[in-house]
């Protein structure tokens, strides 16, 4: 199988303990998706609502949102080639716990989450409101602890990354 080009084409398989102590798979977890044509594509696959335990390990995502307090989300994002500076967070994140338009930049945003992200393919610039930025490439990891930021892809290839968001106390 070739590496998926669209985030909705990733396949999630979940292995869990049943109430009787046996283990089984939960298959066919289709993601919820959002897209701004030519700007970004997101797919949220799994969500834990309030707390983590083996008895409350989550379910397929029912909302396009980062994690609420005590919860977590797992998803895949794609920023197409040369899409830098085109994202308008406010237009795509209503009700999603994303705080947008930091410092007058429509692509700058923050959440009340700690995010663990890994670049799966391509490269992208991760920018802070101060103007500082880091270029992240395939295999790079980033932890975002509530910092306002923007994802900018001025490069000639798409960037796909996996994201786990964990709802944090402020």
N, C-alpha and C. Protein backbone atom coordinates (compact mmCIF):
# COMPACT_ATOMS: atom_id res chain seq x y z
N UNK A 1 0.84 -1.19 0.00
CA UNK A 1 0.00 0.00 0.00
C UNK A 1 0.88 1.24 0.00
N UNK A 2 0.55 2.19 -0.81
CA UNK A 2 1.28 3.46 -0.87
C UNK A 2 0.87 4.34 0.31
N UNK A 3 1.72 5.29 0.65
CA UNK A 3 1.40 6.23 1.71
C UNK A 3 0.16 7.02 1.32
N UNK A 4 -0.84 7.13 2.21
CA UNK A 4 -2.08 7.85 1.85
C UNK A 4 -1.82 9.31 1.49
N UNK A 5 -2.46 9.78 0.45
CA UNK A 5 -2.34 11.18 0.02
C UNK A 5 -3.37 12.06 0.69
N UNK A 6 -4.51 11.48 1.08
CA UNK A 6 -5.56 12.25 1.74
C UNK A 6 -5.71 11.74 3.16
N UNK A 7 -5.98 12.65 4.09
CA UNK A 7 -6.04 12.26 5.50
C UNK A 7 -7.18 11.27 5.78
N UNK A 8 -8.25 11.33 5.04
CA UNK A 8 -9.37 10.41 5.25
C UNK A 8 -9.03 8.98 4.85
N UNK A 9 -7.92 8.79 4.12
CA UNK A 9 -7.54 7.47 3.66
C UNK A 9 -6.69 6.68 4.66
N UNK A 10 -6.32 7.31 5.79
CA UNK A 10 -5.61 6.57 6.83
C UNK A 10 -6.59 5.62 7.49
N UNK A 11 -6.09 4.51 7.98
CA UNK A 11 -6.93 3.48 8.59
C UNK A 11 -6.60 3.39 10.08
N UNK A 12 -7.58 3.52 10.94
CA UNK A 12 -7.40 3.39 12.38
C UNK A 12 -7.94 2.04 12.82
N UNK A 13 -7.12 1.31 13.57
CA UNK A 13 -7.53 0.06 14.20
C UNK A 13 -7.30 0.23 15.69
N UNK A 14 -8.27 -0.15 16.50
CA UNK A 14 -8.19 -0.02 17.95
C UNK A 14 -8.24 -1.41 18.56
N UNK A 15 -7.33 -1.70 19.49
CA UNK A 15 -7.35 -2.95 20.25
C UNK A 15 -7.70 -2.59 21.69
N UNK A 16 -8.68 -3.30 22.27
CA UNK A 16 -9.14 -2.95 23.62
C UNK A 16 -9.50 -4.19 24.42
N UNK A 17 -9.58 -3.98 25.72
CA UNK A 17 -10.01 -5.05 26.63
C UNK A 17 -11.52 -4.96 26.79
N UNK A 18 -12.20 -6.07 26.61
CA UNK A 18 -13.65 -6.15 26.77
C UNK A 18 -14.00 -6.28 28.26
N UNK A 19 -15.25 -6.00 28.62
CA UNK A 19 -15.66 -6.15 30.03
C UNK A 19 -15.39 -7.54 30.61
N UNK A 20 -15.40 -8.58 29.75
CA UNK A 20 -15.15 -9.95 30.24
C UNK A 20 -13.67 -10.30 30.33
N UNK A 21 -12.79 -9.31 30.02
CA UNK A 21 -11.35 -9.52 30.13
C UNK A 21 -10.67 -9.98 28.86
N UNK A 22 -11.44 -10.32 27.84
CA UNK A 22 -10.85 -10.70 26.55
C UNK A 22 -10.48 -9.44 25.77
N UNK A 23 -9.65 -9.60 24.78
CA UNK A 23 -9.26 -8.48 23.92
C UNK A 23 -9.89 -8.63 22.56
N UNK A 24 -10.15 -7.49 21.93
CA UNK A 24 -10.70 -7.53 20.57
C UNK A 24 -10.33 -6.23 19.85
N UNK A 25 -10.55 -6.26 18.54
CA UNK A 25 -10.31 -5.09 17.71
C UNK A 25 -11.61 -4.34 17.47
N UNK A 26 -11.49 -3.03 17.35
CA UNK A 26 -12.58 -2.19 16.89
C UNK A 26 -12.12 -1.67 15.53
N UNK A 27 -12.78 -2.09 14.48
CA UNK A 27 -12.38 -1.71 13.13
C UNK A 27 -13.32 -0.67 12.54
N UNK A 28 -12.96 -0.21 11.37
CA UNK A 28 -13.79 0.70 10.58
C UNK A 28 -14.12 2.00 11.32
N UNK A 29 -13.12 2.60 11.89
CA UNK A 29 -13.29 3.90 12.55
C UNK A 29 -13.06 4.99 11.51
N UNK A 30 -14.12 5.39 10.84
CA UNK A 30 -14.03 6.42 9.82
C UNK A 30 -13.89 7.79 10.50
N UNK A 31 -13.02 8.64 9.99
CA UNK A 31 -12.79 9.94 10.64
C UNK A 31 -13.84 10.98 10.28
N UNK A 32 -13.91 11.99 11.12
CA UNK A 32 -14.64 13.22 10.78
C UNK A 32 -13.62 14.10 10.07
N UNK A 33 -14.02 14.74 8.99
CA UNK A 33 -13.06 15.52 8.22
C UNK A 33 -13.51 16.97 8.05
N UNK A 34 -12.52 17.82 7.85
CA UNK A 34 -12.76 19.23 7.53
C UNK A 34 -11.72 19.63 6.49
N UNK A 35 -12.10 20.56 5.64
CA UNK A 35 -11.17 20.98 4.59
C UNK A 35 -11.45 22.42 4.21
N UNK A 36 -10.37 23.16 3.98
CA UNK A 36 -10.42 24.44 3.31
C UNK A 36 -9.65 24.19 2.02
N UNK A 37 -10.37 24.10 0.91
CA UNK A 37 -9.78 23.71 -0.38
C UNK A 37 -8.46 24.41 -0.65
N UNK A 38 -7.42 23.61 -0.88
CA UNK A 38 -6.10 24.13 -1.19
C UNK A 38 -5.35 24.73 -0.01
N UNK A 39 -5.94 24.67 1.20
CA UNK A 39 -5.33 25.31 2.37
C UNK A 39 -4.96 24.28 3.44
N UNK A 40 -5.90 23.42 3.83
CA UNK A 40 -5.62 22.36 4.79
C UNK A 40 -6.73 21.32 4.73
N UNK A 41 -6.39 20.15 5.28
CA UNK A 41 -7.34 19.06 5.39
C UNK A 41 -7.08 18.40 6.74
N UNK A 42 -8.13 18.09 7.50
CA UNK A 42 -7.99 17.48 8.81
C UNK A 42 -8.93 16.29 8.94
N UNK A 43 -8.49 15.28 9.67
CA UNK A 43 -9.32 14.12 9.96
C UNK A 43 -9.11 13.75 11.42
N UNK A 44 -10.18 13.83 12.21
CA UNK A 44 -10.12 13.41 13.62
C UNK A 44 -10.67 12.00 13.69
N UNK A 45 -9.85 11.08 14.20
CA UNK A 45 -10.21 9.66 14.25
C UNK A 45 -10.75 9.21 15.60
N UNK A 46 -10.15 9.69 16.70
CA UNK A 46 -10.46 9.11 18.01
C UNK A 46 -10.50 10.21 19.06
N UNK A 47 -11.43 10.09 20.01
CA UNK A 47 -11.58 11.08 21.07
C UNK A 47 -11.83 10.39 22.41
N UNK A 48 -11.17 10.88 23.43
CA UNK A 48 -11.49 10.52 24.81
C UNK A 48 -12.09 11.78 25.40
N UNK A 49 -13.29 11.68 25.96
CA UNK A 49 -14.02 12.87 26.39
C UNK A 49 -13.51 13.51 27.68
N UNK A 50 -13.48 12.81 28.79
CA UNK A 50 -13.22 13.45 30.07
C UNK A 50 -11.97 12.96 30.78
N UNK A 51 -11.78 11.69 30.81
CA UNK A 51 -10.63 11.13 31.52
C UNK A 51 -10.21 9.86 30.81
N UNK A 52 -8.98 9.43 31.10
CA UNK A 52 -8.44 8.24 30.47
C UNK A 52 -8.44 7.07 31.46
N UNK A 53 -8.97 5.95 31.02
CA UNK A 53 -8.89 4.71 31.79
C UNK A 53 -9.12 3.57 30.80
N UNK A 54 -8.79 2.37 31.22
CA UNK A 54 -9.01 1.23 30.33
C UNK A 54 -10.49 0.97 30.09
N UNK A 55 -11.32 1.43 31.00
CA UNK A 55 -12.76 1.27 30.83
C UNK A 55 -13.40 2.42 30.08
N UNK A 56 -12.69 3.54 29.95
CA UNK A 56 -13.20 4.72 29.24
C UNK A 56 -12.10 5.21 28.29
N UNK A 57 -11.80 4.38 27.31
CA UNK A 57 -10.67 4.64 26.42
C UNK A 57 -11.03 5.45 25.18
N UNK A 58 -12.28 5.87 25.07
CA UNK A 58 -12.67 6.73 23.96
C UNK A 58 -13.54 6.05 22.93
N UNK A 59 -13.74 6.79 21.84
CA UNK A 59 -14.60 6.32 20.76
C UNK A 59 -14.27 7.13 19.50
N UNK A 60 -14.80 6.69 18.36
CA UNK A 60 -14.58 7.48 17.15
C UNK A 60 -15.04 8.93 17.37
N UNK A 61 -14.29 9.87 16.83
CA UNK A 61 -14.58 11.29 17.03
C UNK A 61 -15.97 11.64 16.51
N UNK A 62 -16.67 12.45 17.29
CA UNK A 62 -18.02 12.90 16.93
C UNK A 62 -18.05 14.40 16.66
N UNK A 63 -16.91 15.08 16.87
CA UNK A 63 -16.83 16.52 16.65
C UNK A 63 -15.45 16.87 16.10
N UNK A 64 -15.41 17.87 15.26
CA UNK A 64 -14.13 18.36 14.72
C UNK A 64 -13.57 19.37 15.71
N UNK A 65 -12.91 18.85 16.74
CA UNK A 65 -12.43 19.72 17.81
C UNK A 65 -11.20 19.13 18.47
N UNK A 66 -10.37 20.00 19.01
CA UNK A 66 -9.26 19.54 19.84
C UNK A 66 -9.84 19.07 21.16
N UNK A 67 -9.01 18.46 21.99
CA UNK A 67 -9.48 17.87 23.24
C UNK A 67 -9.97 18.92 24.24
N UNK A 68 -11.03 18.56 24.95
CA UNK A 68 -11.48 19.35 26.08
C UNK A 68 -10.70 18.94 27.32
N UNK A 69 -10.89 19.66 28.40
CA UNK A 69 -10.16 19.42 29.64
C UNK A 69 -10.25 17.95 30.06
N UNK A 70 -9.10 17.32 30.24
CA UNK A 70 -9.03 15.93 30.67
C UNK A 70 -9.15 14.92 29.56
N UNK A 71 -9.48 15.36 28.35
CA UNK A 71 -9.67 14.45 27.23
C UNK A 71 -8.49 14.45 26.27
N UNK A 72 -8.66 13.76 25.16
CA UNK A 72 -7.63 13.74 24.12
C UNK A 72 -8.28 13.49 22.76
N UNK A 73 -7.57 13.86 21.73
CA UNK A 73 -7.99 13.55 20.36
C UNK A 73 -6.79 13.05 19.57
N UNK A 74 -7.07 12.31 18.51
CA UNK A 74 -6.03 11.76 17.64
C UNK A 74 -6.47 11.99 16.21
N UNK A 75 -5.60 12.67 15.44
CA UNK A 75 -5.97 12.96 14.06
C UNK A 75 -4.77 13.10 13.14
N UNK A 76 -5.08 13.29 11.88
CA UNK A 76 -4.10 13.48 10.83
C UNK A 76 -4.43 14.78 10.11
N UNK A 77 -3.42 15.61 9.83
CA UNK A 77 -3.60 16.89 9.15
C UNK A 77 -2.74 16.92 7.89
N UNK A 78 -3.22 17.68 6.91
CA UNK A 78 -2.44 17.89 5.68
C UNK A 78 -2.50 19.35 5.29
N UNK A 79 -1.32 19.93 5.04
CA UNK A 79 -1.24 21.27 4.47
C UNK A 79 -0.65 21.12 3.07
N UNK A 80 -1.43 21.45 2.04
CA UNK A 80 -0.94 21.29 0.66
C UNK A 80 0.28 22.17 0.37
N UNK A 81 1.00 21.79 -0.64
CA UNK A 81 2.15 22.59 -1.10
C UNK A 81 1.72 24.02 -1.37
N UNK A 82 2.58 24.96 -1.01
CA UNK A 82 2.40 26.40 -1.27
C UNK A 82 1.09 26.96 -0.70
N UNK A 83 0.67 26.45 0.48
CA UNK A 83 -0.56 26.94 1.09
C UNK A 83 -0.28 27.94 2.22
N UNK A 84 0.96 28.34 2.39
CA UNK A 84 1.34 29.23 3.50
C UNK A 84 0.54 30.52 3.49
N UNK A 85 0.06 30.90 4.68
CA UNK A 85 -0.61 32.18 4.84
C UNK A 85 -2.03 32.25 4.34
N UNK A 86 -2.60 31.13 3.91
CA UNK A 86 -3.95 31.14 3.36
C UNK A 86 -5.03 30.70 4.35
N UNK A 87 -4.63 30.12 5.48
CA UNK A 87 -5.61 29.58 6.41
C UNK A 87 -6.28 30.67 7.23
N UNK A 88 -7.58 30.59 7.35
CA UNK A 88 -8.34 31.48 8.23
C UNK A 88 -8.97 30.61 9.30
N UNK A 89 -8.31 30.58 10.48
CA UNK A 89 -8.74 29.70 11.56
C UNK A 89 -10.18 29.96 11.97
N UNK A 90 -10.58 31.22 12.06
CA UNK A 90 -11.94 31.56 12.50
C UNK A 90 -12.99 30.97 11.56
N UNK A 91 -12.67 30.86 10.29
CA UNK A 91 -13.63 30.35 9.31
C UNK A 91 -13.82 28.84 9.41
N UNK A 92 -12.89 28.15 10.07
CA UNK A 92 -12.96 26.69 10.09
C UNK A 92 -13.06 26.09 11.48
N UNK A 93 -13.05 26.91 12.52
CA UNK A 93 -12.94 26.32 13.86
C UNK A 93 -14.06 26.71 14.82
N UNK A 94 -15.17 27.16 14.32
CA UNK A 94 -16.27 27.54 15.19
C UNK A 94 -16.68 26.37 16.07
N UNK A 95 -16.69 26.59 17.37
CA UNK A 95 -17.07 25.55 18.32
C UNK A 95 -16.02 24.48 18.55
N UNK A 96 -14.79 24.69 18.09
CA UNK A 96 -13.78 23.65 18.17
C UNK A 96 -12.77 23.84 19.29
N UNK A 97 -12.94 24.81 20.17
CA UNK A 97 -12.02 25.11 21.26
C UNK A 97 -10.72 25.73 20.76
N UNK A 98 -10.71 26.27 19.55
CA UNK A 98 -9.54 26.93 18.99
C UNK A 98 -9.74 28.43 19.10
N UNK A 99 -8.74 29.11 19.63
CA UNK A 99 -8.76 30.57 19.77
C UNK A 99 -7.92 31.16 18.64
N UNK A 100 -8.55 31.84 17.70
CA UNK A 100 -7.84 32.30 16.51
C UNK A 100 -7.53 33.78 16.48
N UNK A 101 -6.89 34.18 15.38
CA UNK A 101 -6.55 35.57 15.06
C UNK A 101 -5.61 36.22 16.08
N UNK A 102 -4.64 35.47 16.58
CA UNK A 102 -3.65 36.07 17.48
C UNK A 102 -2.79 37.07 16.71
N UNK A 103 -2.62 38.24 17.29
CA UNK A 103 -1.77 39.29 16.71
C UNK A 103 -2.24 39.70 15.32
N UNK A 104 -3.55 39.60 15.05
CA UNK A 104 -4.10 40.04 13.78
C UNK A 104 -3.83 39.11 12.61
N UNK A 105 -3.23 37.95 12.86
CA UNK A 105 -2.91 37.00 11.80
C UNK A 105 -4.01 35.93 11.77
N UNK A 106 -4.77 35.83 10.67
CA UNK A 106 -5.88 34.87 10.62
C UNK A 106 -5.44 33.41 10.72
N UNK A 107 -4.17 33.10 10.46
CA UNK A 107 -3.73 31.71 10.56
C UNK A 107 -3.12 31.40 11.93
N UNK A 108 -2.88 32.42 12.75
CA UNK A 108 -2.30 32.23 14.08
C UNK A 108 -3.42 31.81 15.04
N UNK A 109 -3.17 30.76 15.82
CA UNK A 109 -4.19 30.24 16.72
C UNK A 109 -3.56 29.56 17.93
N UNK A 110 -4.37 29.31 18.95
CA UNK A 110 -3.92 28.62 20.15
C UNK A 110 -5.07 27.78 20.70
N UNK A 111 -4.72 26.78 21.49
CA UNK A 111 -5.72 25.93 22.14
C UNK A 111 -5.30 25.72 23.59
N UNK A 112 -6.23 25.27 24.40
CA UNK A 112 -5.93 24.93 25.79
C UNK A 112 -5.58 23.45 25.86
N UNK A 113 -4.59 23.09 25.06
CA UNK A 113 -4.16 21.69 24.96
C UNK A 113 -2.64 21.62 24.95
N UNK A 114 -2.16 20.43 25.25
CA UNK A 114 -0.77 20.09 24.99
C UNK A 114 -0.83 19.14 23.81
N UNK A 115 -0.14 19.48 22.74
CA UNK A 115 -0.22 18.71 21.50
C UNK A 115 1.11 18.01 21.23
N UNK A 116 1.02 16.74 20.85
CA UNK A 116 2.18 15.96 20.41
C UNK A 116 1.98 15.71 18.93
N UNK A 117 2.93 16.14 18.11
CA UNK A 117 2.77 16.01 16.67
C UNK A 117 4.04 15.47 16.04
N UNK A 118 3.87 14.66 15.00
CA UNK A 118 4.99 14.10 14.26
C UNK A 118 4.75 14.32 12.78
N UNK A 119 5.76 14.84 12.12
CA UNK A 119 5.67 15.07 10.68
C UNK A 119 5.87 13.72 9.98
N UNK A 120 4.84 13.28 9.24
CA UNK A 120 4.88 11.99 8.55
C UNK A 120 5.46 12.10 7.16
N UNK A 121 5.22 13.23 6.49
CA UNK A 121 5.80 13.44 5.16
C UNK A 121 5.84 14.94 4.86
N UNK A 122 6.80 15.32 4.03
CA UNK A 122 6.95 16.71 3.63
C UNK A 122 7.65 17.55 4.69
N UNK A 123 7.47 18.86 4.55
CA UNK A 123 8.00 19.79 5.55
C UNK A 123 7.09 20.99 5.64
N UNK A 124 7.22 21.71 6.77
CA UNK A 124 6.33 22.83 7.07
C UNK A 124 7.03 23.76 8.04
N UNK A 125 6.68 25.04 7.98
CA UNK A 125 7.20 26.00 8.95
C UNK A 125 6.19 26.15 10.08
N UNK A 126 6.70 26.10 11.30
CA UNK A 126 5.90 26.31 12.50
C UNK A 126 6.29 27.68 13.03
N UNK A 127 5.35 28.65 12.98
CA UNK A 127 5.67 30.05 13.29
C UNK A 127 5.00 30.50 14.59
N UNK A 128 5.72 31.32 15.34
CA UNK A 128 5.21 31.93 16.57
C UNK A 128 4.89 33.40 16.30
N UNK A 129 4.06 34.05 17.14
CA UNK A 129 3.70 35.46 16.93
C UNK A 129 4.91 36.40 16.92
N UNK A 130 6.00 36.01 17.57
CA UNK A 130 7.20 36.85 17.63
C UNK A 130 7.93 36.91 16.29
N UNK A 131 7.53 36.04 15.35
CA UNK A 131 8.22 35.96 14.06
C UNK A 131 9.21 34.80 14.02
N UNK A 132 9.49 34.20 15.18
CA UNK A 132 10.37 33.03 15.19
C UNK A 132 9.67 31.89 14.48
N UNK A 133 10.46 31.05 13.80
CA UNK A 133 9.86 29.86 13.17
C UNK A 133 10.89 28.76 13.11
N UNK A 134 10.38 27.55 13.00
CA UNK A 134 11.20 26.36 12.83
C UNK A 134 10.63 25.60 11.64
N UNK A 135 11.53 25.12 10.80
CA UNK A 135 11.12 24.25 9.70
C UNK A 135 11.16 22.82 10.20
N UNK A 136 10.02 22.14 10.10
CA UNK A 136 9.89 20.75 10.52
C UNK A 136 9.81 19.87 9.28
N UNK A 137 10.54 18.74 9.31
CA UNK A 137 10.59 17.83 8.17
C UNK A 137 10.19 16.43 8.61
N UNK A 138 10.02 15.54 7.64
CA UNK A 138 9.63 14.16 7.90
C UNK A 138 10.40 13.59 9.09
N UNK A 139 9.67 13.06 10.06
CA UNK A 139 10.27 12.45 11.25
C UNK A 139 10.45 13.40 12.42
N UNK A 140 10.34 14.71 12.19
CA UNK A 140 10.47 15.66 13.31
C UNK A 140 9.24 15.59 14.20
N UNK A 141 9.48 15.87 15.48
CA UNK A 141 8.42 15.88 16.50
C UNK A 141 8.33 17.28 17.07
N UNK A 142 7.13 17.69 17.47
CA UNK A 142 6.96 18.97 18.15
C UNK A 142 5.92 18.80 19.24
N UNK A 143 6.18 19.44 20.37
CA UNK A 143 5.21 19.52 21.47
C UNK A 143 4.78 20.97 21.54
N UNK A 144 3.48 21.22 21.47
CA UNK A 144 2.94 22.58 21.53
C UNK A 144 2.12 22.67 22.81
N UNK A 145 2.58 23.51 23.74
CA UNK A 145 1.94 23.64 25.05
C UNK A 145 1.16 24.95 25.11
N UNK A 146 0.06 25.02 24.35
CA UNK A 146 -0.82 26.18 24.38
C UNK A 146 -0.30 27.42 23.69
N UNK A 147 0.86 27.36 23.08
CA UNK A 147 1.46 28.54 22.45
C UNK A 147 0.71 28.94 21.18
N UNK A 148 0.42 30.25 21.00
CA UNK A 148 -0.13 30.69 19.72
C UNK A 148 0.87 30.34 18.60
N UNK A 149 0.34 29.87 17.48
CA UNK A 149 1.20 29.44 16.39
C UNK A 149 0.44 29.41 15.06
N UNK A 150 1.21 29.26 13.99
CA UNK A 150 0.63 29.07 12.66
C UNK A 150 1.45 28.01 11.93
N UNK A 151 0.76 27.21 11.14
CA UNK A 151 1.41 26.23 10.27
C UNK A 151 1.49 26.86 8.89
N UNK A 152 2.69 26.93 8.31
CA UNK A 152 2.89 27.59 7.01
C UNK A 152 3.65 26.65 6.08
N UNK A 153 3.06 26.35 4.93
CA UNK A 153 3.73 25.48 3.97
C UNK A 153 4.03 26.24 2.68
N UNK A 154 5.23 26.85 2.58
CA UNK A 154 5.61 27.52 1.34
C UNK A 154 6.35 26.58 0.38
N UNK A 155 6.43 25.31 0.72
CA UNK A 155 7.26 24.36 -0.02
C UNK A 155 6.50 23.70 -1.16
N UNK A 156 7.23 22.95 -2.00
CA UNK A 156 6.66 22.35 -3.20
C UNK A 156 6.07 20.97 -2.98
N UNK A 157 5.91 20.57 -1.72
CA UNK A 157 5.28 19.27 -1.43
C UNK A 157 4.31 19.41 -0.27
N UNK A 158 3.30 18.56 -0.28
CA UNK A 158 2.34 18.55 0.83
C UNK A 158 3.05 18.15 2.12
N UNK A 159 2.51 18.60 3.25
CA UNK A 159 2.99 18.16 4.56
C UNK A 159 1.83 17.45 5.25
N UNK A 160 2.10 16.22 5.72
CA UNK A 160 1.11 15.46 6.48
C UNK A 160 1.71 15.17 7.85
N UNK A 161 0.91 15.43 8.90
CA UNK A 161 1.39 15.13 10.24
C UNK A 161 0.28 14.53 11.09
N UNK A 162 0.70 13.75 12.09
CA UNK A 162 -0.22 13.17 13.06
C UNK A 162 -0.24 14.06 14.29
N UNK A 163 -1.43 14.22 14.88
CA UNK A 163 -1.58 15.09 16.05
C UNK A 163 -2.37 14.38 17.15
N UNK A 164 -1.84 14.47 18.35
CA UNK A 164 -2.55 14.04 19.54
C UNK A 164 -2.70 15.28 20.40
N UNK A 165 -3.94 15.66 20.72
CA UNK A 165 -4.16 16.82 21.59
C UNK A 165 -4.68 16.31 22.93
N UNK A 166 -4.14 16.90 24.00
CA UNK A 166 -4.55 16.52 25.35
C UNK A 166 -5.05 17.78 26.05
N UNK A 167 -6.31 17.76 26.47
CA UNK A 167 -6.91 18.91 27.14
C UNK A 167 -6.18 19.23 28.43
N UNK A 168 -5.79 20.49 28.60
CA UNK A 168 -4.99 20.90 29.76
C UNK A 168 -5.76 21.88 30.63
N UNK A 169 -5.36 21.94 31.89
CA UNK A 169 -5.87 22.97 32.78
C UNK A 169 -5.14 24.25 32.48
N UNK A 170 -5.84 25.36 32.58
CA UNK A 170 -5.22 26.65 32.27
C UNK A 170 -4.67 27.26 33.54
